[in-house]
C-alpha atoms as a PDB file:
ATOM      1  CA  MET A   1      27.559  14.235  -1.530  1.00  0.00           C
ATOM      2  CA  GLY A   2      24.516  13.922  -3.706  1.00  0.00           C
ATOM      3  CA  PHE A   3      23.025  16.542  -5.974  1.00  0.00           C
ATOM      4  CA  PHE A   4      20.580  17.848  -3.359  1.00  0.00           C
ATOM      5  CA  GLU A   5      22.901  17.625  -0.346  1.00  0.00           C
ATOM      6  CA  VAL A   6      24.239  20.976   0.796  1.00  0.00           C
ATOM      7  CA  ASP A   7      26.565  21.651   3.732  1.00  0.00           C
ATOM      8  CA  HIS A   8      25.506  25.190   4.629  1.00  0.00           C
ATOM      9  CA  ASN A   9      28.149  25.702   7.315  1.00  0.00           C
ATOM     10  CA  LYS A  10      30.947  24.690   4.952  1.00  0.00           C
ATOM     11  CA  ALA A  11      29.574  26.946   2.200  1.00  0.00           C
ATOM     12  CA  VAL A  12      29.415  29.915   4.582  1.00  0.00           C
ATOM     13  CA  TRP A  13      32.900  29.274   5.954  1.00  0.00           C
ATOM     14  CA  GLU A  14      34.389  28.924   2.474  1.00  0.00           C
ATOM     15  CA  GLY A  15      32.564  32.091   1.355  1.00  0.00           C
ATOM     16  CA  ILE A  16      34.358  34.233   3.927  1.00  0.00           C
ATOM     17  CA  PRO A  17      37.726  35.568   2.739  1.00  0.00           C
ATOM     18  CA  VAL A  18      40.582  33.863   4.601  1.00  0.00           C
ATOM     19  CA  ASP A  19      41.870  37.001   6.276  1.00  0.00           C
ATOM     20  CA  GLU A  20      38.364  37.905   7.561  1.00  0.00           C
ATOM     21  CA  ARG A  21      37.374  34.505   9.044  1.00  0.00           C
ATOM     22  CA  GLU A  22      36.421  35.017  12.660  1.00  0.00           C
ATOM     23  CA  PRO A  23      33.782  33.378  14.880  1.00  0.00           C
ATOM     24  CA  VAL A  24      31.561  36.463  15.171  1.00  0.00           C
ATOM     25  CA  ARG A  25      31.365  36.965  11.400  1.00  0.00           C
ATOM     26  CA  PHE A  26      30.758  33.226  10.868  1.00  0.00           C
ATOM     27  CA  ALA A  27      27.911  33.222  13.433  1.00  0.00           C
ATOM     28  CA  TRP A  28      26.403  36.363  11.886  1.00  0.00           C
ATOM     29  CA  LEU A  29      26.435  34.850   8.370  1.00  0.00           C
ATOM     30  CA  LYS A  30      24.961  31.582   9.682  1.00  0.00           C
ATOM     31  CA  ALA A  31      22.119  33.610  11.220  1.00  0.00           C
ATOM     32  CA  LEU A  32      21.560  35.331   7.880  1.00  0.00           C
ATOM     33  CA  ILE A  33      21.186  32.041   5.993  1.00  0.00           C
ATOM     34  CA  ALA A  34      18.905  30.447   8.636  1.00  0.00           C
ATOM     35  CA  PRO A  35      15.734  31.107   6.547  1.00  0.00           C
ATOM     36  CA  ALA A  36      17.390  29.515   3.509  1.00  0.00           C
ATOM     37  CA  LYS A  37      18.356  26.477   5.616  1.00  0.00           C
ATOM     38  CA  TYR A  38      14.742  26.218   6.834  1.00  0.00           C
ATOM     39  CA  VAL A  39      13.383  26.249   3.265  1.00  0.00           C
ATOM     40  CA  TYR A  40      16.060  23.742   2.219  1.00  0.00           C
ATOM     41  CA  ASN A  41      15.047  21.375   5.053  1.00  0.00           C
ATOM     42  CA  LEU A  42      11.390  21.666   3.977  1.00  0.00           C
ATOM     43  CA  PHE A  43      12.433  20.857   0.422  1.00  0.00           C
ATOM     44  CA  VAL A  44      14.456  17.796   1.493  1.00  0.00           C
ATOM     45  CA  ALA A  45      11.614  16.496   3.692  1.00  0.00           C
ATOM     46  CA  ASN A  46       9.094  16.928   0.857  1.00  0.00           C
ATOM     47  CA  ARG A  47      11.487  15.286  -1.621  1.00  0.00           C
ATOM     48  CA  ASN A  48      11.981  12.265   0.658  1.00  0.00           C
ATOM     49  CA  LYS A  49       8.211  11.944   1.151  1.00  0.00           C
ATOM     50  CA  ASN A  50       7.618  12.109  -2.602  1.00  0.00           C
ATOM     51  CA  LEU A  51      10.347   9.542  -3.320  1.00  0.00           C
ATOM     52  CA  TYR A  52       8.715   7.193  -0.780  1.00  0.00           C
ATOM     53  CA  GLU A  53       5.293   7.651  -2.379  1.00  0.00           C
ATOM     54  CA  VAL A  54       6.637   7.098  -5.882  1.00  0.00           C
ATOM     55  CA  GLY A  55       8.436   3.949  -4.715  1.00  0.00           C
ATOM     56  CA  HIS A  56       5.184   2.325  -3.536  1.00  0.00           C
ATOM     57  CA  ASN A  57       2.090   1.370  -5.496  1.00  0.00           C
ATOM     58  CA  GLY A  58      -1.003  -0.809  -5.295  1.00  0.00           C
ATOM     59  CA  GLN A  59       0.795  -4.141  -5.436  1.00  0.00           C
ATOM     60  CA  VAL A  60       0.233  -6.325  -2.401  1.00  0.00           C
ATOM     61  CA  PHE A  61       3.838  -6.379  -1.186  1.00  0.00           C
ATOM     62  CA  SER A  62       4.103  -2.613  -1.566  1.00  0.00           C
ATOM     63  CA  LEU A  63       0.866  -1.927   0.312  1.00  0.00           C
ATOM     64  CA  GLU A  64       1.995  -4.322   3.058  1.00  0.00           C
ATOM     65  CA  ASN A  65       5.301  -2.443   3.314  1.00  0.00           C
ATOM     66  CA  VAL A  66       3.547   0.915   3.630  1.00  0.00           C
ATOM     67  CA  LEU A  67       1.202  -0.336   6.351  1.00  0.00           C
ATOM     68  CA  ASN A  68       4.027  -2.061   8.243  1.00  0.00           C
ATOM     69  CA  ASP A  69       6.268   1.017   7.961  1.00  0.00           C
ATOM     70  CA  VAL A  70       3.593   3.202   9.541  1.00  0.00           C
ATOM     71  CA  PHE A  71       1.851   0.927  12.067  1.00  0.00           C
ATOM     72  CA  ASP A  72       4.074  -2.071  12.840  1.00  0.00           C
ATOM     73  CA  PRO A  73       7.711  -1.227  12.035  1.00  0.00           C
ATOM     74  CA  ILE A  74       9.230  -3.713  14.513  1.00  0.00           C
ATOM     75  CA  SER A  75       7.453  -7.050  14.033  1.00  0.00           C
ATOM     76  CA  ARG A  76       6.015  -6.196  10.562  1.00  0.00           C
ATOM     77  CA  GLY A  77       3.059  -8.528  11.076  1.00  0.00           C
ATOM     78  CA  ILE A  78       0.503  -6.830   8.827  1.00  0.00           C
ATOM     79  CA  TYR A  79      -0.226  -8.858   5.709  1.00  0.00           C
ATOM     80  CA  ILE A  80      -2.860  -8.966   2.960  1.00  0.00           C
ATOM     81  CA  THR A  81      -4.739 -11.938   1.540  1.00  0.00           C
ATOM     82  CA  ASP A  82      -7.256 -12.291  -1.263  1.00  0.00           C
ATOM     83  CA  GLY A  83     -10.939 -12.452  -0.514  1.00  0.00           C
ATOM     84  CA  VAL A  84     -13.192 -15.410  -1.281  1.00  0.00           C
ATOM     85  CA  PHE A  85     -13.875 -15.967  -4.963  1.00  0.00           C
ATOM     86  CA  ALA A  86     -16.375 -18.318  -6.586  1.00  0.00           C
ATOM     87  CA  ASP A  87     -15.234 -20.088  -9.720  1.00  0.00           C
ATOM     88  CA  ALA A  88     -17.589 -19.965 -12.654  1.00  0.00           C
ATOM     89  CA  VAL A  89     -18.827 -23.103 -14.418  1.00  0.00           C
ATOM     90  CA  TYR A  90     -18.540 -22.603 -18.137  1.00  0.00           C
ATOM     91  CA  ILE A  91     -20.955 -24.185 -20.577  1.00  0.00           C
ATOM     92  CA  PHE A  92     -19.264 -24.902 -23.868  1.00  0.00           C
ATOM     93  CA  VAL A  93     -20.763 -25.016 -27.319  1.00  0.00           C
ATOM     94  CA  ASP A  94     -20.948 -28.313 -29.260  1.00  0.00           C
ATOM     95  CA  ILE A  95     -17.996 -27.513 -31.503  1.00  0.00           C
ATOM     96  CA  GLU A  96     -15.637 -27.242 -28.517  1.00  0.00           C
ATOM     97  CA  GLU A  97     -16.461 -30.829 -27.462  1.00  0.00           C
ATOM     98  CA  LYS A  98     -16.193 -30.116 -23.726  1.00  0.00           C
ATOM     99  CA  PRO A  99     -19.622 -31.056 -22.439  1.00  0.00           C
ATOM    100  CA  VAL A 100     -20.819 -30.183 -18.971  1.00  0.00           C
ATOM    101  CA  TYR A 101     -23.828 -32.178 -17.839  1.00  0.00           C
ATOM    102  CA  ILE A 102     -26.312 -30.101 -15.880  1.00  0.00           C
ATOM    103  CA  ALA A 103     -28.832 -32.247 -14.089  1.00  0.00           C
ATOM    104  CA  THR A 104     -32.183 -31.228 -12.708  1.00  0.00           C
ATOM    105  CA  VAL A 105     -32.993 -31.795  -9.050  1.00  0.00           C
ATOM    106  CA  GLY A 106     -34.968 -34.966  -9.922  1.00  0.00           C
ATOM    107  CA  GLU A 107     -32.008 -36.503 -11.734  1.00  0.00           C
ATOM    108  CA  LEU A 108     -29.558 -36.219  -8.827  1.00  0.00           C
ATOM    109  CA  PRO A 109     -27.376 -38.078  -8.036  1.00  0.00           C
ATOM    110  CA  VAL A 110     -26.107 -38.701 -11.534  1.00  0.00           C
ATOM    111  CA  THR A 111     -23.714 -41.566 -11.921  1.00  0.00           C
ATOM    112  CA  GLY A 112     -20.206 -40.456 -12.812  1.00  0.00           C
ATOM    113  CA  TYR A 113     -20.588 -37.017 -11.262  1.00  0.00           C
ATOM    114  CA  ASP A 114     -19.603 -36.353  -7.663  1.00  0.00           C
ATOM    115  CA  ALA A 115     -21.527 -33.187  -7.012  1.00  0.00           C
ATOM    116  CA  PRO A 116     -24.147 -31.182  -8.819  1.00  0.00           C
ATOM    117  CA  GLN A 117     -23.033 -28.269 -10.968  1.00  0.00           C
ATOM    118  CA  PHE A 118     -24.722 -24.954 -10.252  1.00  0.00           C
ATOM    119  CA  LEU A 119     -25.146 -22.115 -12.688  1.00  0.00           C
ATOM    120  CA  PHE A 120     -24.285 -18.624 -11.488  1.00  0.00           C
ATOM    121  CA  THR A 121     -24.943 -15.254 -13.016  1.00  0.00           C
ATOM    122  CA  ASP A 122     -22.083 -12.853 -13.710  1.00  0.00           C
ATOM    123  CA  MET A 123     -22.894 -11.030 -10.483  1.00  0.00           C
ATOM    124  CA  GLU A 124     -22.568 -14.242  -8.461  1.00  0.00           C
ATOM    125  CA  THR A 125     -19.147 -15.269  -9.787  1.00  0.00           C
ATOM    126  CA  GLY A 126     -15.856 -13.629  -8.940  1.00  0.00           C
ATOM    127  CA  SER A 127     -15.640 -11.807  -5.655  1.00  0.00           C
ATOM    128  CA  MET A 128     -17.877 -13.171  -2.914  1.00  0.00           C
ATOM    129  CA  GLY A 129     -17.692 -10.142  -0.621  1.00  0.00           C
ATOM    130  CA  PHE A 130     -14.348  -8.523   0.160  1.00  0.00           C
ATOM    131  CA  GLN A 131     -11.759  -8.474  -2.612  1.00  0.00           C
ATOM    132  CA  PHE A 132      -8.862  -8.389  -0.164  1.00  0.00           C
ATOM    133  CA  ILE A 133      -8.408  -8.684   3.578  1.00  0.00           C
ATOM    134  CA  ILE A 134      -5.835  -6.792   5.646  1.00  0.00           C
ATOM    135  CA  HIS A 135      -4.689  -8.903   8.605  1.00  0.00           C
ATOM    136  CA  VAL A 136      -3.486  -6.824  11.566  1.00  0.00           C
ATOM    137  CA  PRO A 137      -1.783  -8.373  14.644  1.00  0.00           C
ATOM    138  CA  THR A 138      -3.584  -8.037  17.966  1.00  0.00           C
ATOM    139  CA  GLY A 139      -0.749  -5.897  19.325  1.00  0.00           C
ATOM    140  CA  VAL A 140      -1.707  -3.253  16.785  1.00  0.00           C
ATOM    141  CA  GLU A 141      -5.412  -3.829  17.508  1.00  0.00           C
ATOM    142  CA  ALA A 142      -5.471  -1.105  20.125  1.00  0.00           C
ATOM    143  CA  LEU A 143      -5.409   1.513  17.385  1.00  0.00           C
ATOM    144  CA  PRO A 144      -7.373   4.650  18.201  1.00  0.00           C
ATOM    145  CA  ILE A 145     -10.140   5.549  15.795  1.00  0.00           C
ATOM    146  CA  TYR A 146      -7.981   8.130  14.005  1.00  0.00           C
ATOM    147  CA  ASP A 147      -5.353   5.430  13.333  1.00  0.00           C
ATOM    148  CA  VAL A 148      -8.001   3.125  11.858  1.00  0.00           C
ATOM    149  CA  LEU A 149      -9.039   6.021   9.637  1.00  0.00           C
ATOM    150  CA  ARG A 150      -5.374   6.541   8.794  1.00  0.00           C
ATOM    151  CA  VAL A 151      -5.091   2.870   7.765  1.00  0.00           C
ATOM    152  CA  ARG A 152      -8.103   3.284   5.521  1.00  0.00           C
ATOM    153  CA  GLY A 153      -6.630   6.498   4.097  1.00  0.00           C
ATOM    154  CA  LEU A 154      -3.337   4.783   3.256  1.00  0.00           C
ATOM    155  CA  VAL A 155      -5.141   1.851   1.651  1.00  0.00           C
ATOM    156  CA  GLU A 156      -7.326   4.209  -0.369  1.00  0.00           C
ATOM    157  CA  LYS A 157      -4.222   6.095  -1.493  1.00  0.00           C
ATOM    158  CA  TYR A 158      -2.233   3.063  -2.674  1.00  0.00           C
ATOM    159  CA  ARG A 159      -4.825   0.419  -3.641  1.00  0.00           C
ATOM    160  CA  LEU A 160      -5.701  -0.353  -7.231  1.00  0.00           C
ATOM    161  CA  PRO A 161      -8.881   1.381  -8.411  1.00  0.00           C
ATOM    162  CA  SER A 162     -10.439  -1.972  -9.364  1.00  0.00           C
ATOM    163  CA  LYS A 163     -10.128  -3.281  -5.791  1.00  0.00           C
ATOM    164  CA  THR A 164     -13.037  -1.631  -4.076  1.00  0.00           C
ATOM    165  CA  LEU A 165     -14.015  -3.805  -1.121  1.00  0.00           C
ATOM    166  CA  TYR A 166     -11.609  -4.609   1.706  1.00  0.00           C
ATOM    167  CA  THR A 167     -11.728  -5.122   5.438  1.00  0.00           C
ATOM    168  CA  LEU A 168      -9.442  -5.167   8.470  1.00  0.00           C
ATOM    169  CA  VAL A 169      -9.223  -8.442  10.397  1.00  0.00           C
ATOM    170  CA  TYR A 170      -7.318  -8.793  13.675  1.00  0.00           C
ATOM    171  CA  TYR A 171      -5.498 -12.057  14.373  1.00  0.00           C
END
């Protein structure tokens, strides 16, 4: 038995003196400790819930496990992918000796370069919309509105604070 595991019936039975052990007394003492058993069961349920929450975090595999545990425990088909990101084109200084030729529209096509290079601002690079996408199987698609809100609540609880935009996609 673990530290928090208690066998109430055994404790009651062993608490009765041997010469006074009878079914009526045992039943009466079990009735007396019923409120303590109720509080103990609440404690154990809360402890198990807290251990589950502590064991999961904002990492992708952990968030997938939480969503699959709640909404798709049999086939476990819910998975998460990254959103679309645009790579930035860096312009280097002369001392780094990594030139990037940027042509004007009149100079295209430039020999030796396959495609034109476009300059983006900081706002245009990085995430191009959703930062991650939650893929939900069509069998789970028939979620009532409160379950969709529950999915969003679980994602909000476990996601990283830097990941702000996400969406649900059914496949």
